[in-house]
Structure formats: C-alpha cells, structure tokens
N, C-alpha and C. Protein backbone atom coordinates (compact mmCIF):
# COMPACT_ATOMS: atom_id res chain seq x y z
N MET A 1 0.92 -1.19 0.08
CA MET A 1 0.02 0.13 0.02
C MET A 1 0.84 1.47 0.06
N ALA A 2 2.01 1.02 0.55
CA ALA A 2 2.96 2.33 0.64
C ALA A 2 3.38 2.83 -0.69
N SER A 3 3.78 1.78 -1.46
CA SER A 3 4.35 2.11 -2.92
C SER A 3 2.99 2.74 -3.60
N PHE A 4 1.79 2.18 -3.51
CA PHE A 4 0.75 2.85 -4.08
C PHE A 4 0.44 4.18 -3.80
N ARG A 5 0.55 4.43 -2.44
CA ARG A 5 0.36 5.85 -2.07
C ARG A 5 1.54 6.83 -2.72
N ALA A 6 2.66 6.22 -2.69
CA ALA A 6 3.82 7.13 -3.41
C ALA A 6 3.41 7.50 -4.78
N THR A 7 3.01 6.48 -5.34
CA THR A 7 2.73 6.47 -6.92
C THR A 7 1.65 7.43 -7.03
N LEU A 8 0.61 7.66 -6.23
CA LEU A 8 -0.31 8.53 -6.56
C LEU A 8 -0.15 9.93 -5.72
N ALA A 9 0.96 10.01 -5.20
CA ALA A 9 1.12 11.29 -4.50
C ALA A 9 1.37 12.41 -5.28
N GLU A 10 1.62 12.28 -6.63
CA GLU A 10 1.78 13.31 -7.71
C GLU A 10 0.16 13.83 -8.34
N ALA A 11 -0.65 12.92 -7.74
CA ALA A 11 -2.10 13.16 -8.03
C ALA A 11 -2.66 14.46 -7.39
N ALA A 12 -2.12 14.89 -6.44
CA ALA A 12 -2.41 15.97 -5.54
C ALA A 12 -2.12 17.16 -6.27
N LEU A 13 -1.24 17.25 -7.22
CA LEU A 13 -0.68 18.21 -8.19
C LEU A 13 -1.34 18.31 -9.40
N ALA A 14 -2.07 17.27 -9.77
CA ALA A 14 -2.69 17.10 -11.38
C ALA A 14 -3.75 18.27 -11.45
N GLN A 15 -3.81 18.77 -12.84
CA GLN A 15 -5.09 19.60 -13.18
C GLN A 15 -6.11 18.51 -13.31
N VAL A 16 -6.08 17.24 -13.82
CA VAL A 16 -7.24 16.39 -13.81
C VAL A 16 -6.63 14.97 -13.26
N VAL A 17 -7.35 14.32 -12.67
CA VAL A 17 -7.07 12.93 -12.23
C VAL A 17 -7.99 11.90 -12.94
N VAL A 18 -7.52 10.94 -13.62
CA VAL A 18 -8.21 9.89 -14.31
C VAL A 18 -7.96 8.68 -13.53
N HIS A 19 -9.11 8.10 -12.86
CA HIS A 19 -9.12 7.10 -12.05
C HIS A 19 -9.78 5.84 -12.90
N LEU A 20 -8.57 5.08 -13.41
CA LEU A 20 -9.06 3.88 -14.28
C LEU A 20 -9.23 2.60 -13.46
N VAL A 21 -10.46 1.93 -13.74
CA VAL A 21 -10.93 0.95 -13.09
C VAL A 21 -11.28 -0.15 -14.12
N ASP A 22 -10.87 -1.37 -13.77
CA ASP A 22 -11.19 -2.47 -14.53
C ASP A 22 -12.51 -2.97 -14.59
N ALA A 23 -13.36 -2.65 -15.26
CA ALA A 23 -14.77 -2.97 -15.00
C ALA A 23 -15.33 -4.13 -15.17
N SER A 24 -14.41 -4.97 -15.84
CA SER A 24 -14.73 -6.57 -16.01
C SER A 24 -14.32 -7.39 -14.77
N HIS A 25 -13.94 -6.73 -13.72
CA HIS A 25 -13.41 -7.35 -12.47
C HIS A 25 -14.67 -7.47 -11.73
N PRO A 26 -15.00 -8.64 -11.13
CA PRO A 26 -16.22 -8.59 -10.35
C PRO A 26 -16.20 -7.75 -9.18
N ASP A 27 -15.23 -7.20 -8.43
CA ASP A 27 -15.11 -6.37 -7.36
C ASP A 27 -14.81 -4.98 -7.76
N TRP A 28 -15.06 -4.52 -8.98
CA TRP A 28 -14.55 -3.38 -9.23
C TRP A 28 -15.15 -2.24 -8.41
N PRO A 29 -16.28 -2.27 -7.78
CA PRO A 29 -16.74 -1.02 -7.21
C PRO A 29 -15.87 -1.00 -5.76
N ASP A 30 -15.65 -2.22 -5.18
CA ASP A 30 -14.78 -2.07 -4.05
C ASP A 30 -13.31 -1.55 -4.50
N GLN A 31 -12.75 -1.97 -5.63
CA GLN A 31 -11.48 -1.38 -6.02
C GLN A 31 -11.65 0.13 -6.12
N LEU A 32 -12.63 0.40 -6.92
CA LEU A 32 -12.94 1.94 -7.11
C LEU A 32 -13.03 2.69 -5.65
N ALA A 33 -13.66 2.06 -4.61
CA ALA A 33 -13.73 2.65 -3.31
C ALA A 33 -12.43 2.82 -2.62
N VAL A 34 -11.48 1.62 -2.80
CA VAL A 34 -10.11 1.77 -2.06
C VAL A 34 -9.38 2.81 -2.68
N GLY A 35 -9.54 3.05 -4.17
CA GLY A 35 -8.61 3.94 -4.91
C GLY A 35 -9.25 5.43 -4.29
N GLU A 36 -10.56 5.58 -3.98
CA GLU A 36 -10.92 6.88 -3.83
C GLU A 36 -10.52 7.28 -2.39
N GLU A 37 -10.46 6.23 -1.55
CA GLU A 37 -9.88 6.55 -0.14
C GLU A 37 -8.62 6.97 0.04
N VAL A 38 -7.67 6.40 -0.91
CA VAL A 38 -6.16 6.71 -1.06
C VAL A 38 -6.22 8.05 -1.66
N LEU A 39 -7.05 8.26 -2.68
CA LEU A 39 -7.07 9.75 -3.26
C LEU A 39 -7.37 10.85 -2.28
N ALA A 40 -8.49 10.46 -1.52
CA ALA A 40 -8.96 11.59 -0.60
C ALA A 40 -7.87 11.59 0.57
N SER A 41 -7.05 10.66 0.99
CA SER A 41 -6.13 10.75 1.89
C SER A 41 -5.11 11.61 1.55
N LEU A 42 -4.84 11.87 0.18
CA LEU A 42 -3.85 12.54 -0.40
C LEU A 42 -4.08 13.97 -0.58
N GLY A 43 -5.49 14.22 -0.36
CA GLY A 43 -6.17 15.67 -0.66
C GLY A 43 -6.65 15.81 -1.79
N VAL A 44 -6.92 14.72 -2.74
CA VAL A 44 -7.53 14.79 -4.04
C VAL A 44 -9.28 14.55 -3.76
N GLU A 45 -10.01 15.32 -4.26
CA GLU A 45 -11.45 14.94 -4.12
C GLU A 45 -11.90 13.93 -5.15
N PRO A 46 -12.29 12.80 -4.59
CA PRO A 46 -12.64 11.86 -5.71
C PRO A 46 -13.75 12.31 -6.52
N LYS A 47 -14.84 13.02 -6.05
CA LYS A 47 -15.81 13.38 -7.03
C LYS A 47 -15.41 14.27 -8.22
N GLY A 48 -14.15 14.94 -7.89
CA GLY A 48 -13.70 15.60 -9.02
C GLY A 48 -12.84 14.89 -10.07
N CYS A 49 -12.66 13.75 -9.86
CA CYS A 49 -11.84 12.71 -10.83
C CYS A 49 -12.74 12.39 -11.94
N ILE A 50 -12.11 11.98 -12.99
CA ILE A 50 -12.81 11.25 -14.11
C ILE A 50 -12.60 9.73 -13.89
N VAL A 51 -13.60 9.05 -13.68
CA VAL A 51 -13.63 7.63 -13.41
C VAL A 51 -13.74 6.89 -14.90
N VAL A 52 -12.81 6.03 -15.13
CA VAL A 52 -12.95 5.52 -16.41
C VAL A 52 -12.85 3.97 -16.24
N LEU A 53 -13.99 3.39 -16.65
CA LEU A 53 -14.45 2.09 -16.57
C LEU A 53 -13.69 1.50 -17.91
N ASN A 54 -12.77 0.62 -17.80
CA ASN A 54 -12.05 0.09 -18.96
C ASN A 54 -12.64 -1.34 -19.03
N LYS A 55 -12.19 -2.00 -20.17
CA LYS A 55 -12.48 -3.37 -20.51
C LYS A 55 -14.07 -3.62 -20.71
N VAL A 56 -14.78 -2.71 -21.11
CA VAL A 56 -16.40 -2.94 -21.21
C VAL A 56 -16.43 -3.83 -22.26
N ASP A 57 -15.46 -4.16 -23.27
CA ASP A 57 -15.54 -5.13 -24.14
C ASP A 57 -15.83 -6.63 -23.76
N ARG A 58 -15.51 -6.72 -22.47
CA ARG A 58 -15.52 -8.14 -21.91
C ARG A 58 -17.01 -8.27 -21.21
N LEU A 59 -17.91 -7.23 -21.30
CA LEU A 59 -18.96 -7.21 -20.47
C LEU A 59 -20.15 -7.67 -21.43
N GLY A 60 -19.84 -8.09 -22.65
CA GLY A 60 -21.04 -8.60 -23.51
C GLY A 60 -22.20 -7.66 -23.83
N GLY A 61 -21.74 -6.39 -23.63
CA GLY A 61 -22.56 -5.32 -24.27
C GLY A 61 -23.41 -4.60 -23.07
N ALA A 62 -23.44 -5.35 -21.85
CA ALA A 62 -24.02 -4.54 -20.64
C ALA A 62 -23.01 -3.87 -19.97
N LEU A 63 -23.34 -2.56 -19.73
CA LEU A 63 -22.45 -1.54 -19.23
C LEU A 63 -22.72 -1.65 -17.68
N PRO A 64 -21.49 -1.55 -16.85
CA PRO A 64 -21.80 -1.75 -15.50
C PRO A 64 -22.35 -0.40 -14.86
N PRO A 65 -23.20 -0.51 -13.96
CA PRO A 65 -23.79 0.61 -13.07
C PRO A 65 -22.80 1.60 -12.75
N ALA A 66 -22.85 2.91 -13.32
CA ALA A 66 -22.00 4.14 -12.95
C ALA A 66 -22.19 4.59 -11.55
N PRO A 67 -21.34 4.88 -10.92
CA PRO A 67 -21.63 5.53 -9.67
C PRO A 67 -22.48 6.89 -10.15
N VAL A 68 -23.43 7.15 -9.47
CA VAL A 68 -24.29 8.27 -9.74
C VAL A 68 -23.68 9.65 -9.48
N ASP A 69 -22.86 9.96 -8.41
CA ASP A 69 -22.25 11.10 -8.26
C ASP A 69 -20.85 11.48 -8.70
N ARG A 70 -20.45 10.72 -9.74
CA ARG A 70 -19.17 10.77 -10.49
C ARG A 70 -19.19 11.01 -11.95
N ASN A 71 -18.00 11.41 -12.39
CA ASN A 71 -17.94 11.75 -13.82
C ASN A 71 -17.25 10.66 -14.33
N VAL A 72 -18.21 9.74 -15.11
CA VAL A 72 -17.73 8.39 -15.43
C VAL A 72 -17.82 8.31 -16.94
N ILE A 73 -16.78 7.55 -17.42
CA ILE A 73 -16.78 7.25 -18.84
C ILE A 73 -16.37 5.84 -18.99
N ALA A 74 -17.05 5.16 -19.97
CA ALA A 74 -16.81 3.69 -20.10
C ALA A 74 -16.09 3.51 -21.43
N ILE A 75 -15.07 2.79 -21.38
CA ILE A 75 -14.06 2.59 -22.51
C ILE A 75 -13.63 1.17 -22.75
N SER A 76 -13.00 0.86 -23.88
CA SER A 76 -12.36 -0.31 -24.00
C SER A 76 -10.98 0.06 -24.89
N ALA A 77 -9.87 0.05 -23.90
CA ALA A 77 -8.88 0.33 -24.57
C ALA A 77 -8.42 -0.58 -25.72
N LEU A 78 -8.91 -1.93 -25.67
CA LEU A 78 -8.50 -2.81 -26.64
C LEU A 78 -9.15 -2.45 -28.06
N THR A 79 -10.51 -2.21 -28.13
CA THR A 79 -11.37 -1.78 -29.23
C THR A 79 -11.32 -0.55 -29.44
N GLY A 80 -11.14 0.47 -28.53
CA GLY A 80 -11.17 1.77 -28.87
C GLY A 80 -12.67 2.52 -28.50
N GLU A 81 -13.57 1.48 -28.17
CA GLU A 81 -14.78 1.94 -27.77
C GLU A 81 -14.64 2.96 -26.79
N GLY A 82 -15.47 4.14 -26.93
CA GLY A 82 -15.46 5.21 -25.59
C GLY A 82 -14.25 6.17 -25.57
N MET A 83 -13.09 5.93 -26.52
CA MET A 83 -12.00 6.76 -26.52
C MET A 83 -12.32 8.09 -26.90
N ASP A 84 -12.94 8.38 -27.94
CA ASP A 84 -13.20 9.58 -28.51
C ASP A 84 -13.93 10.34 -27.29
N SER A 85 -14.76 9.75 -26.64
CA SER A 85 -15.57 10.50 -25.54
C SER A 85 -14.68 10.77 -24.54
N LEU A 86 -13.63 9.97 -24.13
CA LEU A 86 -12.51 10.31 -23.05
C LEU A 86 -11.68 11.21 -23.59
N ARG A 87 -11.23 11.51 -24.93
CA ARG A 87 -10.58 12.51 -25.37
C ARG A 87 -11.13 13.83 -25.23
N ASP A 88 -12.54 13.95 -25.84
CA ASP A 88 -13.32 15.23 -25.48
C ASP A 88 -13.47 15.53 -24.06
N ARG A 89 -13.67 14.62 -22.94
CA ARG A 89 -13.78 14.86 -21.67
C ARG A 89 -12.43 15.58 -21.25
N LEU A 90 -11.25 14.93 -21.65
CA LEU A 90 -10.01 15.51 -21.14
C LEU A 90 -9.74 16.86 -21.88
N ARG A 91 -10.13 17.16 -23.05
CA ARG A 91 -10.08 18.35 -23.83
C ARG A 91 -10.88 19.54 -23.08
N THR A 92 -12.10 19.07 -22.42
CA THR A 92 -12.78 19.91 -21.77
C THR A 92 -12.22 20.43 -20.22
N ALA A 93 -11.70 19.26 -19.82
CA ALA A 93 -11.13 19.46 -18.29
C ALA A 93 -9.74 20.10 -18.30
N ILE A 94 -9.02 19.90 -19.33
CA ILE A 94 -7.46 20.33 -19.03
C ILE A 94 -7.41 21.71 -19.97
N PRO A 95 -7.08 22.83 -19.14
CA PRO A 95 -6.94 24.12 -19.80
C PRO A 95 -5.66 23.88 -20.72
N VAL A 96 -5.65 24.63 -21.91
CA VAL A 96 -4.57 24.74 -22.75
C VAL A 96 -3.51 25.38 -22.27
N PRO A 97 -2.39 24.82 -22.37
CA PRO A 97 -0.91 25.45 -21.71
C PRO A 97 -0.81 27.00 -22.29
N ALA A 98 -0.28 27.60 -21.41
CA ALA A 98 0.04 29.11 -21.70
C ALA A 98 1.03 29.44 -22.80
N ARG A 99 2.00 28.55 -23.12
CA ARG A 99 2.97 28.79 -24.05
C ARG A 99 2.95 27.52 -25.03
N ALA A 100 3.17 27.76 -26.32
CA ALA A 100 3.36 26.63 -27.31
C ALA A 100 4.58 25.83 -26.69
N GLY A 101 4.33 24.50 -26.81
CA GLY A 101 5.45 23.62 -26.50
C GLY A 101 5.30 23.28 -25.04
N ASP A 102 4.42 24.00 -24.03
CA ASP A 102 4.38 23.48 -22.66
C ASP A 102 3.52 22.25 -22.70
N SER A 103 3.80 21.61 -21.65
CA SER A 103 3.27 20.21 -21.43
C SER A 103 2.44 20.25 -20.06
N PRO A 104 1.00 19.79 -20.21
CA PRO A 104 0.28 19.84 -18.85
C PRO A 104 0.85 18.72 -17.84
N VAL A 105 1.65 17.74 -18.26
CA VAL A 105 2.20 16.87 -17.39
C VAL A 105 3.12 17.48 -16.46
N SER A 106 3.95 18.31 -17.04
CA SER A 106 5.10 19.16 -16.13
C SER A 106 4.98 20.46 -16.17
N GLY A 107 4.30 21.23 -17.03
CA GLY A 107 4.35 22.77 -17.13
C GLY A 107 5.54 23.24 -17.89
N ARG A 108 6.42 22.27 -18.24
CA ARG A 108 7.59 22.57 -18.98
C ARG A 108 7.59 21.98 -20.50
N GLY A 109 8.62 22.08 -21.24
CA GLY A 109 8.61 21.48 -22.67
C GLY A 109 8.38 19.95 -22.68
N ARG A 110 7.95 19.69 -23.80
CA ARG A 110 7.62 18.15 -23.94
C ARG A 110 8.85 17.43 -23.81
N ARG A 111 9.91 17.72 -24.31
CA ARG A 111 11.09 16.90 -24.45
C ARG A 111 11.54 16.56 -22.96
N GLY A 112 11.40 17.72 -22.08
CA GLY A 112 12.08 17.40 -20.80
C GLY A 112 10.98 16.69 -20.10
N ALA A 113 9.80 16.73 -20.30
CA ALA A 113 8.74 16.07 -19.54
C ALA A 113 8.81 14.46 -20.01
N ALA A 114 9.14 14.12 -21.32
CA ALA A 114 9.23 12.85 -21.78
C ALA A 114 10.29 12.13 -21.31
N ALA A 115 11.35 12.95 -21.16
CA ALA A 115 12.76 12.50 -20.35
C ALA A 115 12.75 11.92 -19.08
N ARG A 116 11.88 12.85 -18.27
CA ARG A 116 11.65 12.72 -16.86
C ARG A 116 10.63 11.55 -16.75
N LEU A 117 9.81 11.24 -17.68
CA LEU A 117 8.80 10.13 -17.53
C LEU A 117 9.54 8.78 -17.90
N ALA A 118 10.29 8.83 -18.84
CA ALA A 118 11.01 7.77 -19.34
C ALA A 118 11.91 7.28 -18.07
N ARG A 119 12.74 8.42 -17.29
CA ARG A 119 13.56 7.90 -16.20
C ARG A 119 12.76 7.33 -15.09
N ARG A 120 11.45 7.68 -15.04
CA ARG A 120 10.69 6.98 -13.99
C ARG A 120 9.89 5.77 -14.43
N GLY A 121 10.15 5.24 -15.46
CA GLY A 121 9.50 4.08 -16.05
C GLY A 121 8.14 4.29 -16.56
N ARG A 122 7.89 5.53 -17.04
CA ARG A 122 6.51 5.75 -17.53
C ARG A 122 6.69 6.18 -18.94
N ARG A 123 5.57 6.36 -19.56
CA ARG A 123 5.64 6.54 -21.09
C ARG A 123 4.25 7.44 -21.35
N ARG A 124 4.33 8.26 -22.54
CA ARG A 124 2.96 8.95 -22.83
C ARG A 124 2.31 7.91 -23.44
N ALA A 125 0.95 7.78 -23.27
CA ALA A 125 0.16 6.88 -23.80
C ALA A 125 -0.35 7.42 -25.25
N PRO A 126 -1.20 6.64 -26.14
CA PRO A 126 -1.64 7.15 -27.29
C PRO A 126 -2.45 8.38 -27.23
N ILE A 127 -3.05 8.60 -26.17
CA ILE A 127 -4.21 9.70 -25.88
C ILE A 127 -3.32 11.10 -25.80
N HIS A 128 -3.07 11.81 -26.87
CA HIS A 128 -2.28 13.14 -26.74
C HIS A 128 -2.56 14.10 -27.83
N GLY A 129 -2.20 15.24 -27.62
CA GLY A 129 -2.54 16.12 -28.77
C GLY A 129 -3.40 17.33 -28.20
N GLU A 130 -3.16 18.34 -28.93
CA GLU A 130 -4.04 19.81 -28.36
C GLU A 130 -3.77 19.89 -26.95
N GLY A 131 -2.90 19.74 -26.58
CA GLY A 131 -2.27 20.06 -25.27
C GLY A 131 -2.63 19.09 -24.19
N ILE A 132 -2.93 17.61 -24.54
CA ILE A 132 -3.17 16.78 -23.77
C ILE A 132 -2.28 15.64 -23.80
N ASP A 133 -1.60 15.15 -22.65
CA ASP A 133 -0.87 14.07 -22.55
C ASP A 133 -1.27 13.10 -21.41
N LEU A 134 -1.49 11.82 -21.57
CA LEU A 134 -2.08 11.11 -20.56
C LEU A 134 -0.85 10.23 -20.27
N VAL A 135 -0.45 10.21 -19.07
CA VAL A 135 0.54 9.46 -18.42
C VAL A 135 0.15 8.26 -17.91
N VAL A 136 0.67 7.09 -18.21
CA VAL A 136 0.41 5.60 -17.65
C VAL A 136 1.69 5.18 -17.15
N ARG A 137 1.39 4.57 -15.91
CA ARG A 137 2.64 3.85 -15.27
C ARG A 137 2.60 2.49 -15.87
N ARG A 138 3.77 1.91 -16.23
CA ARG A 138 3.90 0.64 -16.63
C ARG A 138 4.37 -0.21 -15.55
N ARG A 139 3.88 -1.34 -15.55
CA ARG A 139 4.37 -2.38 -14.48
C ARG A 139 5.43 -3.30 -14.97
C-alpha cells in the first residue's frame, strides 16, 4: 500500500485525475472505493476525478452501473470504444497550456517531460494532442 500511495502522491498536483478501473473485474466497485480512499487521503477530491471504466468489451454489451455522483466514462482500450468521448472529456477538463510547447504533465517543454517520465519508467500513452498528454505507469 505504501508504494501505491507514493505513486499517487503526484495526483494531488494534477490538473485532472483519471481513475482507471477494470470494469470486468467482479469487485470493481470495491476497488474504486479503495482507490478513492487513497486519493482522499492525499487531498484529492474523488468526486472531481474522471472515473474511466475500462474493459467494457468483456461485458457482453451490458455496461456496469456507474456511480451516480461521479464523472464516469466507459471505454475499451482494446477496441477503442469510448476513447473519443474520453478525449473530449479531457480536452474540456484540461486548460490549454499558456505557451506553445508547454506540457500539462510538467508545465515545461515536451522533451523535458518525456525524458523525466522515461527515467521513472513511464511513457506517454496514445491519447495526446491539443495540449493533452495522458501518463500511464507501466508495471
């Protein structure tokens, strides 16, 4: 749990927090609740996060019941379902950087941000453009 908290500590500084949940897991609501508890302990208001329910392609067309008081989007990273909606939601939520070349990830140029992310074992995901970079931690 300590490493989980350390990984999420940067979330308190983020403009937008995307809480990715495996919607195909039978205990996803409990996993969502645990993640929200950790976020709240770090000073991040869970109701302000974008909850992304991933792997909806495994649900046979039936979407999981979304938490009523959350900003929720259902996607399949595998098939691309819902990705346009996620991009639109991120474009709405993230302000455009003040200077050309600034990155929302770090507030500094893209090359510097990419290098720092690479050193930390991270990479930019395919969702980027128009001032949006989504950072994904790889295991």
